């Protein structure tokens, strides 16, 4: 049976190949901007592994099937490993391209494309150059708004987003201003943008009854030694909740 460490490392290898494919494609690279946990892990050295690659494509001119063809031309991945789920009517600008190995392997790596603008981005430095990537401040704003959005629509939080906010703040000096977060919220039509929802996020983060589940989910995204060396105690959650304190004034 495949253990979690093997899954993390194999998925990482798959996503690395996909990132190289995007970075080396003169068609895809100028259009796609990497965001989310994948940007933090692959470009900004976060120890948290990601199961997908999130891209925004404000001016993307290709259709999803054309993007897949371009990816396949630049990777060794079998075409049968990709699928395109039907898009929800309420969000027709959203597409998912997934690498989906046989079920028994338990390893899935996804690419998600969103027609959402990004204010701050630049070519990455290092092995994936010239892959376009959002700035830490842009990533921070994304994470705050995604958390509000998720609380409003699904009444849940992702502990990985909480980890990412702390990582950006503590290691990348990337805390975004309230104005920037508000502009980001506008791109999501302000879904979840309210004082009541911000307070609901804070209550859920600081509620001890939620902490064991948060830890369980985080454990799946970190190597064992990394997880063991970090304290995901009540102080961690109290500190993470502070990322939403200023939004009480909305």
C-alpha atoms as a PDB file:
ATOM      1  CA  UNK A   1       0.000   0.000   0.000  1.00  0.00           C
ATOM      2  CA  UNK A   2       1.330   3.441  -0.954  1.00  0.00           C
ATOM      3  CA  UNK A   3       2.143   5.479   2.160  1.00  0.00           C
ATOM      4  CA  UNK A   4       1.646   9.217   2.527  1.00  0.00           C
ATOM      5  CA  UNK A   5       5.317  10.133   2.042  1.00  0.00           C
ATOM      6  CA  UNK A   6       5.440   8.193  -1.233  1.00  0.00           C
ATOM      7  CA  UNK A   7       2.237   9.872  -2.386  1.00  0.00           C
ATOM      8  CA  UNK A   8       3.597  13.342  -1.586  1.00  0.00           C
ATOM      9  CA  UNK A   9       6.857  12.704  -3.406  1.00  0.00           C
ATOM     10  CA  UNK A  10       5.318  11.048  -6.477  1.00  0.00           C
ATOM     11  CA  UNK A  11       2.675  13.744  -6.822  1.00  0.00           C
ATOM     12  CA  UNK A  12       5.428  16.353  -6.434  1.00  0.00           C
ATOM     13  CA  UNK A  13       7.309  14.754  -9.303  1.00  0.00           C
ATOM     14  CA  UNK A  14       4.205  14.819 -11.507  1.00  0.00           C
ATOM     15  CA  UNK A  15       3.494  18.477 -10.731  1.00  0.00           C
ATOM     16  CA  UNK A  16       7.139  19.395 -11.276  1.00  0.00           C
ATOM     17  CA  UNK A  17       6.922  17.940 -14.788  1.00  0.00           C
ATOM     18  CA  UNK A  18       3.740  19.876 -15.476  1.00  0.00           C
ATOM     19  CA  UNK A  19       5.337  23.115 -14.272  1.00  0.00           C
ATOM     20  CA  UNK A  20       8.319  22.583 -16.561  1.00  0.00           C
ATOM     21  CA  UNK A  21       5.863  21.968 -19.404  1.00  0.00           C
ATOM     22  CA  UNK A  22       4.085  25.265 -18.769  1.00  0.00           C
ATOM     23  CA  UNK A  23       7.333  27.197 -18.265  1.00  0.00           C
ATOM     24  CA  UNK A  24       8.829  25.871 -21.501  1.00  0.00           C
ATOM     25  CA  UNK A  25       5.721  26.443 -23.614  1.00  0.00           C
ATOM     26  CA  UNK A  26       5.763  29.688 -25.631  1.00  0.00           C
ATOM     27  CA  UNK A  27       1.978  29.293 -25.886  1.00  0.00           C
ATOM     28  CA  UNK A  28       1.087  28.652 -22.237  1.00  0.00           C
ATOM     29  CA  UNK A  29       3.778  30.460 -20.267  1.00  0.00           C
ATOM     30  CA  UNK A  30       2.867  34.044 -21.271  1.00  0.00           C
ATOM     31  CA  UNK A  31      -0.792  33.387 -20.399  1.00  0.00           C
ATOM     32  CA  UNK A  32      -0.795  31.391 -17.132  1.00  0.00           C
ATOM     33  CA  UNK A  33       0.111  32.821 -13.721  1.00  0.00           C
ATOM     34  CA  UNK A  34       0.824  30.336 -10.928  1.00  0.00           C
ATOM     35  CA  UNK A  35      -0.915  30.977  -7.590  1.00  0.00           C
ATOM     36  CA  UNK A  36      -1.962  29.063  -4.462  1.00  0.00           C
ATOM     37  CA  UNK A  37      -0.142  26.429  -2.467  1.00  0.00           C
ATOM     38  CA  UNK A  38       1.691  25.223  -5.563  1.00  0.00           C
ATOM     39  CA  UNK A  39       3.287  28.650  -6.008  1.00  0.00           C
ATOM     40  CA  UNK A  40       4.322  28.700  -2.360  1.00  0.00           C
ATOM     41  CA  UNK A  41       5.785  25.191  -2.478  1.00  0.00           C
ATOM     42  CA  UNK A  42       7.523  25.165  -5.848  1.00  0.00           C
ATOM     43  CA  UNK A  43       8.631  28.791  -6.125  1.00  0.00           C
ATOM     44  CA  UNK A  44       8.714  30.150  -2.552  1.00  0.00           C
ATOM     45  CA  UNK A  45      10.045  26.986  -0.836  1.00  0.00           C
ATOM     46  CA  UNK A  46       7.148  26.253   1.499  1.00  0.00           C
ATOM     47  CA  UNK A  47       7.524  22.802   3.106  1.00  0.00           C
ATOM     48  CA  UNK A  48       3.824  22.141   2.579  1.00  0.00           C
ATOM     49  CA  UNK A  49       3.122  19.892  -0.382  1.00  0.00           C
ATOM     50  CA  UNK A  50       0.283  20.746  -2.745  1.00  0.00           C
ATOM     51  CA  UNK A  51      -2.024  18.364  -4.601  1.00  0.00           C
ATOM     52  CA  UNK A  52      -2.659  20.772  -7.461  1.00  0.00           C
ATOM     53  CA  UNK A  53      -1.397  23.682  -9.500  1.00  0.00           C
ATOM     54  CA  UNK A  54      -3.662  26.723  -9.563  1.00  0.00           C
ATOM     55  CA  UNK A  55      -3.302  29.192 -12.410  1.00  0.00           C
ATOM     56  CA  UNK A  56      -5.117  32.383 -13.237  1.00  0.00           C
ATOM     57  CA  UNK A  57      -5.409  33.357 -16.881  1.00  0.00           C
ATOM     58  CA  UNK A  58      -6.938  36.835 -17.231  1.00  0.00           C
ATOM     59  CA  UNK A  59      -6.335  36.997 -20.984  1.00  0.00           C
ATOM     60  CA  UNK A  60      -6.209  33.319 -21.883  1.00  0.00           C
ATOM     61  CA  UNK A  61      -7.156  32.719 -25.500  1.00  0.00           C
ATOM     62  CA  UNK A  62      -6.963  28.911 -25.639  1.00  0.00           C
ATOM     63  CA  UNK A  63      -9.766  26.516 -24.761  1.00  0.00           C
ATOM     64  CA  UNK A  64      -9.103  23.940 -22.069  1.00  0.00           C
ATOM     65  CA  UNK A  65      -8.742  21.058 -24.556  1.00  0.00           C
ATOM     66  CA  UNK A  66      -6.189  23.104 -26.513  1.00  0.00           C
ATOM     67  CA  UNK A  67      -4.281  23.754 -23.306  1.00  0.00           C
ATOM     68  CA  UNK A  68      -4.224  20.001 -22.628  1.00  0.00           C
ATOM     69  CA  UNK A  69      -2.843  19.335 -26.101  1.00  0.00           C
ATOM     70  CA  UNK A  70      -0.102  21.881 -25.518  1.00  0.00           C
ATOM     71  CA  UNK A  71       0.752  20.265 -22.168  1.00  0.00           C
ATOM     72  CA  UNK A  72       0.849  16.796 -23.676  1.00  0.00           C
ATOM     73  CA  UNK A  73       3.238  18.018 -26.343  1.00  0.00           C
ATOM     74  CA  UNK A  74       5.633  19.071 -23.591  1.00  0.00           C
ATOM     75  CA  UNK A  75       5.320  16.109 -21.187  1.00  0.00           C
ATOM     76  CA  UNK A  76       5.418  12.319 -21.249  1.00  0.00           C
ATOM     77  CA  UNK A  77       2.055  11.977 -19.509  1.00  0.00           C
ATOM     78  CA  UNK A  78      -0.467   9.662 -21.156  1.00  0.00           C
ATOM     79  CA  UNK A  79      -3.411  11.543 -22.663  1.00  0.00           C
ATOM     80  CA  UNK A  80      -5.786   9.104 -20.956  1.00  0.00           C
ATOM     81  CA  UNK A  81      -4.659  10.487 -17.607  1.00  0.00           C
ATOM     82  CA  UNK A  82      -6.390  13.807 -18.259  1.00  0.00           C
ATOM     83  CA  UNK A  83     -10.041  14.571 -17.881  1.00  0.00           C
ATOM     84  CA  UNK A  84     -12.276  17.630 -18.087  1.00  0.00           C
ATOM     85  CA  UNK A  85     -15.168  17.688 -15.630  1.00  0.00           C
ATOM     86  CA  UNK A  86     -18.288  19.510 -16.721  1.00  0.00           C
ATOM     87  CA  UNK A  87     -18.181  23.171 -15.754  1.00  0.00           C
ATOM     88  CA  UNK A  88     -20.793  24.491 -13.339  1.00  0.00           C
ATOM     89  CA  UNK A  89     -23.203  26.903 -14.988  1.00  0.00           C
ATOM     90  CA  UNK A  90     -22.686  29.525 -12.303  1.00  0.00           C
ATOM     91  CA  UNK A  91     -18.957  29.644 -12.936  1.00  0.00           C
ATOM     92  CA  UNK A  92     -18.241  29.114 -16.599  1.00  0.00           C
ATOM     93  CA  UNK A  93     -14.839  30.810 -16.397  1.00  0.00           C
ATOM     94  CA  UNK A  94     -13.451  27.953 -14.311  1.00  0.00           C
ATOM     95  CA  UNK A  95     -11.812  24.875 -15.819  1.00  0.00           C
ATOM     96  CA  UNK A  96     -10.029  21.916 -14.324  1.00  0.00           C
ATOM     97  CA  UNK A  97      -7.408  19.819 -16.062  1.00  0.00           C
ATOM     98  CA  UNK A  98      -6.521  16.794 -13.970  1.00  0.00           C
ATOM     99  CA  UNK A  99      -3.834  14.162 -14.129  1.00  0.00           C
ATOM    100  CA  UNK A 100      -5.741  11.176 -12.782  1.00  0.00           C
ATOM    101  CA  UNK A 101      -3.750   7.924 -12.364  1.00  0.00           C
ATOM    102  CA  UNK A 102      -5.437   4.567 -11.682  1.00  0.00           C
ATOM    103  CA  UNK A 103      -7.488   4.533  -8.487  1.00  0.00           C
ATOM    104  CA  UNK A 104      -5.379   1.900  -6.790  1.00  0.00           C
ATOM    105  CA  UNK A 105      -2.400   4.251  -6.783  1.00  0.00           C
ATOM    106  CA  UNK A 106      -4.272   6.860  -4.793  1.00  0.00           C
ATOM    107  CA  UNK A 107      -2.295   9.675  -6.392  1.00  0.00           C
ATOM    108  CA  UNK A 108      -4.020  12.559  -8.138  1.00  0.00           C
ATOM    109  CA  UNK A 109      -2.378  15.739  -9.372  1.00  0.00           C
ATOM    110  CA  UNK A 110      -4.496  18.534 -10.792  1.00  0.00           C
ATOM    111  CA  UNK A 111      -4.156  21.730 -12.765  1.00  0.00           C
ATOM    112  CA  UNK A 112      -6.888  24.299 -12.239  1.00  0.00           C
ATOM    113  CA  UNK A 113      -7.398  27.344 -14.447  1.00  0.00           C
ATOM    114  CA  UNK A 114      -9.382  30.365 -13.270  1.00  0.00           C
ATOM    115  CA  UNK A 115     -10.331  33.408 -15.280  1.00  0.00           C
ATOM    116  CA  UNK A 116      -9.479  35.861 -12.495  1.00  0.00           C
ATOM    117  CA  UNK A 117      -7.115  38.872 -12.711  1.00  0.00           C
ATOM    118  CA  UNK A 118      -3.892  39.172 -10.734  1.00  0.00           C
ATOM    119  CA  UNK A 119      -2.341  42.519  -9.803  1.00  0.00           C
ATOM    120  CA  UNK A 120       1.195  41.492  -8.894  1.00  0.00           C
ATOM    121  CA  UNK A 121       3.120  38.770 -10.707  1.00  0.00           C
ATOM    122  CA  UNK A 122       6.491  38.296 -12.378  1.00  0.00           C
ATOM    123  CA  UNK A 123       8.673  35.585 -13.942  1.00  0.00           C
ATOM    124  CA  UNK A 124       9.896  33.205 -11.247  1.00  0.00           C
ATOM    125  CA  UNK A 125      13.583  32.879 -10.550  1.00  0.00           C
ATOM    126  CA  UNK A 126      15.366  29.535 -10.354  1.00  0.00           C
ATOM    127  CA  UNK A 127      14.545  26.207 -11.963  1.00  0.00           C
ATOM    128  CA  UNK A 128      11.111  27.166 -13.305  1.00  0.00           C
ATOM    129  CA  UNK A 129      12.144  30.470 -14.889  1.00  0.00           C
ATOM    130  CA  UNK A 130      10.403  32.150 -16.733  1.00  0.00           C
ATOM    131  CA  UNK A 131       7.201  30.702 -15.219  1.00  0.00           C
ATOM    132  CA  UNK A 132       4.906  33.555 -14.163  1.00  0.00           C
ATOM    133  CA  UNK A 133       4.020  33.535 -10.459  1.00  0.00           C
ATOM    134  CA  UNK A 134       2.010  35.764  -8.148  1.00  0.00           C
ATOM    135  CA  UNK A 135       3.832  37.887  -5.591  1.00  0.00           C
ATOM    136  CA  UNK A 136       3.649  36.905  -1.893  1.00  0.00           C
ATOM    137  CA  UNK A 137       1.246  39.787  -1.208  1.00  0.00           C
ATOM    138  CA  UNK A 138      -1.027  38.651  -4.020  1.00  0.00           C
ATOM    139  CA  UNK A 139      -0.931  35.099  -2.682  1.00  0.00           C
ATOM    140  CA  UNK A 140      -1.764  36.364   0.809  1.00  0.00           C
ATOM    141  CA  UNK A 141      -4.788  38.277  -0.465  1.00  0.00           C
ATOM    142  CA  UNK A 142      -5.894  35.186  -2.415  1.00  0.00           C
ATOM    143  CA  UNK A 143      -5.719  33.030   0.705  1.00  0.00           C
ATOM    144  CA  UNK A 144      -7.700  35.477   2.858  1.00  0.00           C
ATOM    145  CA  UNK A 145     -10.447  35.885   0.282  1.00  0.00           C
ATOM    146  CA  UNK A 146     -10.572  32.150  -0.495  1.00  0.00           C
ATOM    147  CA  UNK A 147     -11.055  31.478   3.221  1.00  0.00           C
ATOM    148  CA  UNK A 148     -13.925  33.969   3.433  1.00  0.00           C
ATOM    149  CA  UNK A 149     -15.417  32.545   0.243  1.00  0.00           C
ATOM    150  CA  UNK A 150     -15.236  28.982   1.566  1.00  0.00           C
ATOM    151  CA  UNK A 151     -16.781  29.897   4.906  1.00  0.00           C
ATOM    152  CA  UNK A 152     -19.671  31.680   3.190  1.00  0.00           C
ATOM    153  CA  UNK A 153     -20.437  28.943   0.673  1.00  0.00           C
ATOM    154  CA  UNK A 154     -19.478  25.734   2.488  1.00  0.00           C
ATOM    155  CA  UNK A 155     -19.147  26.653   6.172  1.00  0.00           C
ATOM    156  CA  UNK A 156     -15.685  25.155   6.419  1.00  0.00           C
ATOM    157  CA  UNK A 157     -12.023  26.130   6.522  1.00  0.00           C
ATOM    158  CA  UNK A 158      -8.888  24.599   5.046  1.00  0.00           C
ATOM    159  CA  UNK A 159      -6.096  24.286   7.570  1.00  0.00           C
ATOM    160  CA  UNK A 160      -3.635  24.369   4.674  1.00  0.00           C
ATOM    161  CA  UNK A 161      -4.739  27.931   3.906  1.00  0.00           C
ATOM    162  CA  UNK A 162      -4.088  28.885   7.524  1.00  0.00           C
ATOM    163  CA  UNK A 163      -0.615  27.367   7.310  1.00  0.00           C
ATOM    164  CA  UNK A 164       0.022  29.238   4.057  1.00  0.00           C
ATOM    165  CA  UNK A 165      -1.012  32.598   5.545  1.00  0.00           C
ATOM    166  CA  UNK A 166       1.447  32.137   8.393  1.00  0.00           C
ATOM    167  CA  UNK A 167       4.192  31.041   5.996  1.00  0.00           C
ATOM    168  CA  UNK A 168       3.715  34.073   3.745  1.00  0.00           C
ATOM    169  CA  UNK A 169       3.630  36.447   6.696  1.00  0.00           C
ATOM    170  CA  UNK A 170       6.558  34.941   8.612  1.00  0.00           C
ATOM    171  CA  UNK A 171       8.912  33.958   5.788  1.00  0.00           C
ATOM    172  CA  UNK A 172       8.094  36.129   2.781  1.00  0.00           C
ATOM    173  CA  UNK A 173       7.075  39.397   4.449  1.00  0.00           C
ATOM    174  CA  UNK A 174       4.008  39.179   2.259  1.00  0.00           C
ATOM    175  CA  UNK A 175       1.107  40.351   4.379  1.00  0.00           C
ATOM    176  CA  UNK A 176      -1.252  42.282   2.097  1.00  0.00           C
ATOM    177  CA  UNK A 177      -2.919  45.550   2.999  1.00  0.00           C
ATOM    178  CA  UNK A 178      -6.650  45.661   3.687  1.00  0.00           C
ATOM    179  CA  UNK A 179      -7.088  47.659   0.474  1.00  0.00           C
ATOM    180  CA  UNK A 180      -5.386  44.948  -1.564  1.00  0.00           C
ATOM    181  CA  UNK A 181      -7.496  42.248   0.075  1.00  0.00           C
ATOM    182  CA  UNK A 182     -10.618  44.248  -0.721  1.00  0.00           C
ATOM    183  CA  UNK A 183      -9.601  44.570  -4.376  1.00  0.00           C
ATOM    184  CA  UNK A 184      -9.034  40.824  -4.496  1.00  0.00           C
ATOM    185  CA  UNK A 185     -12.479  40.268  -2.952  1.00  0.00           C
ATOM    186  CA  UNK A 186     -13.948  42.352  -5.773  1.00  0.00           C
ATOM    187  CA  UNK A 187     -12.644  39.811  -8.319  1.00  0.00           C
ATOM    188  CA  UNK A 188     -14.743  37.185  -6.511  1.00  0.00           C
ATOM    189  CA  UNK A 189     -17.756  39.520  -6.456  1.00  0.00           C
ATOM    190  CA  UNK A 190     -17.276  40.054  -2.703  1.00  0.00           C
ATOM    191  CA  UNK A 191     -18.613  36.593  -1.866  1.00  0.00           C
ATOM    192  CA  UNK A 192     -18.064  36.160   1.877  1.00  0.00           C
ATOM    193  CA  UNK A 193     -16.999  39.793   2.286  1.00  0.00           C
ATOM    194  CA  UNK A 194     -18.768  40.792   5.504  1.00  0.00           C
ATOM    195  CA  UNK A 195     -18.004  41.458   9.153  1.00  0.00           C
ATOM    196  CA  UNK A 196     -20.206  38.559  10.216  1.00  0.00           C
ATOM    197  CA  UNK A 197     -18.388  36.128   7.949  1.00  0.00           C
ATOM    198  CA  UNK A 198     -14.952  37.338   9.090  1.00  0.00           C
ATOM    199  CA  UNK A 199     -16.040  36.778  12.667  1.00  0.00           C
ATOM    200  CA  UNK A 200     -17.291  33.294  11.756  1.00  0.00           C
ATOM    201  CA  UNK A 201     -13.854  32.502  10.311  1.00  0.00           C
ATOM    202  CA  UNK A 202     -12.148  33.663  13.512  1.00  0.00           C
ATOM    203  CA  UNK A 203     -14.506  31.631  15.705  1.00  0.00           C
ATOM    204  CA  UNK A 204     -13.893  28.490  13.670  1.00  0.00           C
ATOM    205  CA  UNK A 205     -10.118  28.928  13.697  1.00  0.00           C
ATOM    206  CA  UNK A 206      -9.929  29.446  17.454  1.00  0.00           C
ATOM    207  CA  UNK A 207     -12.487  26.775  18.399  1.00  0.00           C
ATOM    208  CA  UNK A 208     -10.505  23.945  20.090  1.00  0.00           C
ATOM    209  CA  UNK A 209     -13.075  21.430  18.858  1.00  0.00           C
ATOM    210  CA  UNK A 210     -11.780  21.989  15.288  1.00  0.00           C
ATOM    211  CA  UNK A 211      -8.063  21.776  15.996  1.00  0.00           C
ATOM    212  CA  UNK A 212      -7.577  18.017  15.828  1.00  0.00           C
ATOM    213  CA  UNK A 213      -9.163  17.874  12.361  1.00  0.00           C
ATOM    214  CA  UNK A 214      -7.013  20.826  11.249  1.00  0.00           C
ATOM    215  CA  UNK A 215      -3.906  18.986  12.479  1.00  0.00           C
ATOM    216  CA  UNK A 216      -4.954  15.769  10.742  1.00  0.00           C
ATOM    217  CA  UNK A 217      -5.335  17.532   7.408  1.00  0.00           C
ATOM    218  CA  UNK A 218      -2.052  19.407   7.787  1.00  0.00           C
ATOM    219  CA  UNK A 219      -0.234  16.175   8.625  1.00  0.00           C
ATOM    220  CA  UNK A 220      -1.170  14.824   5.185  1.00  0.00           C
ATOM    221  CA  UNK A 221       0.608  17.709   3.435  1.00  0.00           C
ATOM    222  CA  UNK A 222       3.887  17.748   5.370  1.00  0.00           C
ATOM    223  CA  UNK A 223       6.733  15.283   5.655  1.00  0.00           C
ATOM    224  CA  UNK A 224       6.770  13.610   9.098  1.00  0.00           C
ATOM    225  CA  UNK A 225       9.900  15.357  10.367  1.00  0.00           C
ATOM    226  CA  UNK A 226       8.591  18.767   9.299  1.00  0.00           C
ATOM    227  CA  UNK A 227       5.267  18.161  11.008  1.00  0.00           C
ATOM    228  CA  UNK A 228       6.985  16.938  14.178  1.00  0.00           C
ATOM    229  CA  UNK A 229       9.125  20.069  14.395  1.00  0.00           C
ATOM    230  CA  UNK A 230       6.159  22.456  14.312  1.00  0.00           C
ATOM    231  CA  UNK A 231       3.746  23.234  17.110  1.00  0.00           C
ATOM    232  CA  UNK A 232       0.182  23.285  15.869  1.00  0.00           C
ATOM    233  CA  UNK A 233      -1.081  24.184  19.313  1.00  0.00           C
ATOM    234  CA  UNK A 234      -3.681  26.687  20.498  1.00  0.00           C
ATOM    235  CA  UNK A 235      -1.128  29.492  20.113  1.00  0.00           C
ATOM    236  CA  UNK A 236      -0.750  28.632  16.414  1.00  0.00           C
ATOM    237  CA  UNK A 237      -4.486  28.935  15.852  1.00  0.00           C
ATOM    238  CA  UNK A 238      -4.801  32.127  17.893  1.00  0.00           C
ATOM    239  CA  UNK A 239      -1.992  33.642  15.849  1.00  0.00           C
ATOM    240  CA  UNK A 240      -3.532  32.508  12.558  1.00  0.00           C
ATOM    241  CA  UNK A 241      -6.869  34.065  13.469  1.00  0.00           C
ATOM    242  CA  UNK A 242      -5.143  37.459  13.595  1.00  0.00           C
ATOM    243  CA  UNK A 243      -4.925  37.448   9.807  1.00  0.00           C
ATOM    244  CA  UNK A 244      -8.663  38.163   9.814  1.00  0.00           C
ATOM    245  CA  UNK A 245      -8.901  40.587  12.744  1.00  0.00           C
ATOM    246  CA  UNK A 246      -8.756  43.753  10.633  1.00  0.00           C
ATOM    247  CA  UNK A 247     -11.706  42.491   8.574  1.00  0.00           C
ATOM    248  CA  UNK A 248     -14.004  42.910  11.567  1.00  0.00           C
ATOM    249  CA  UNK A 249     -14.411  46.528  10.451  1.00  0.00           C
ATOM    250  CA  UNK A 250     -15.962  45.610   7.076  1.00  0.00           C
END
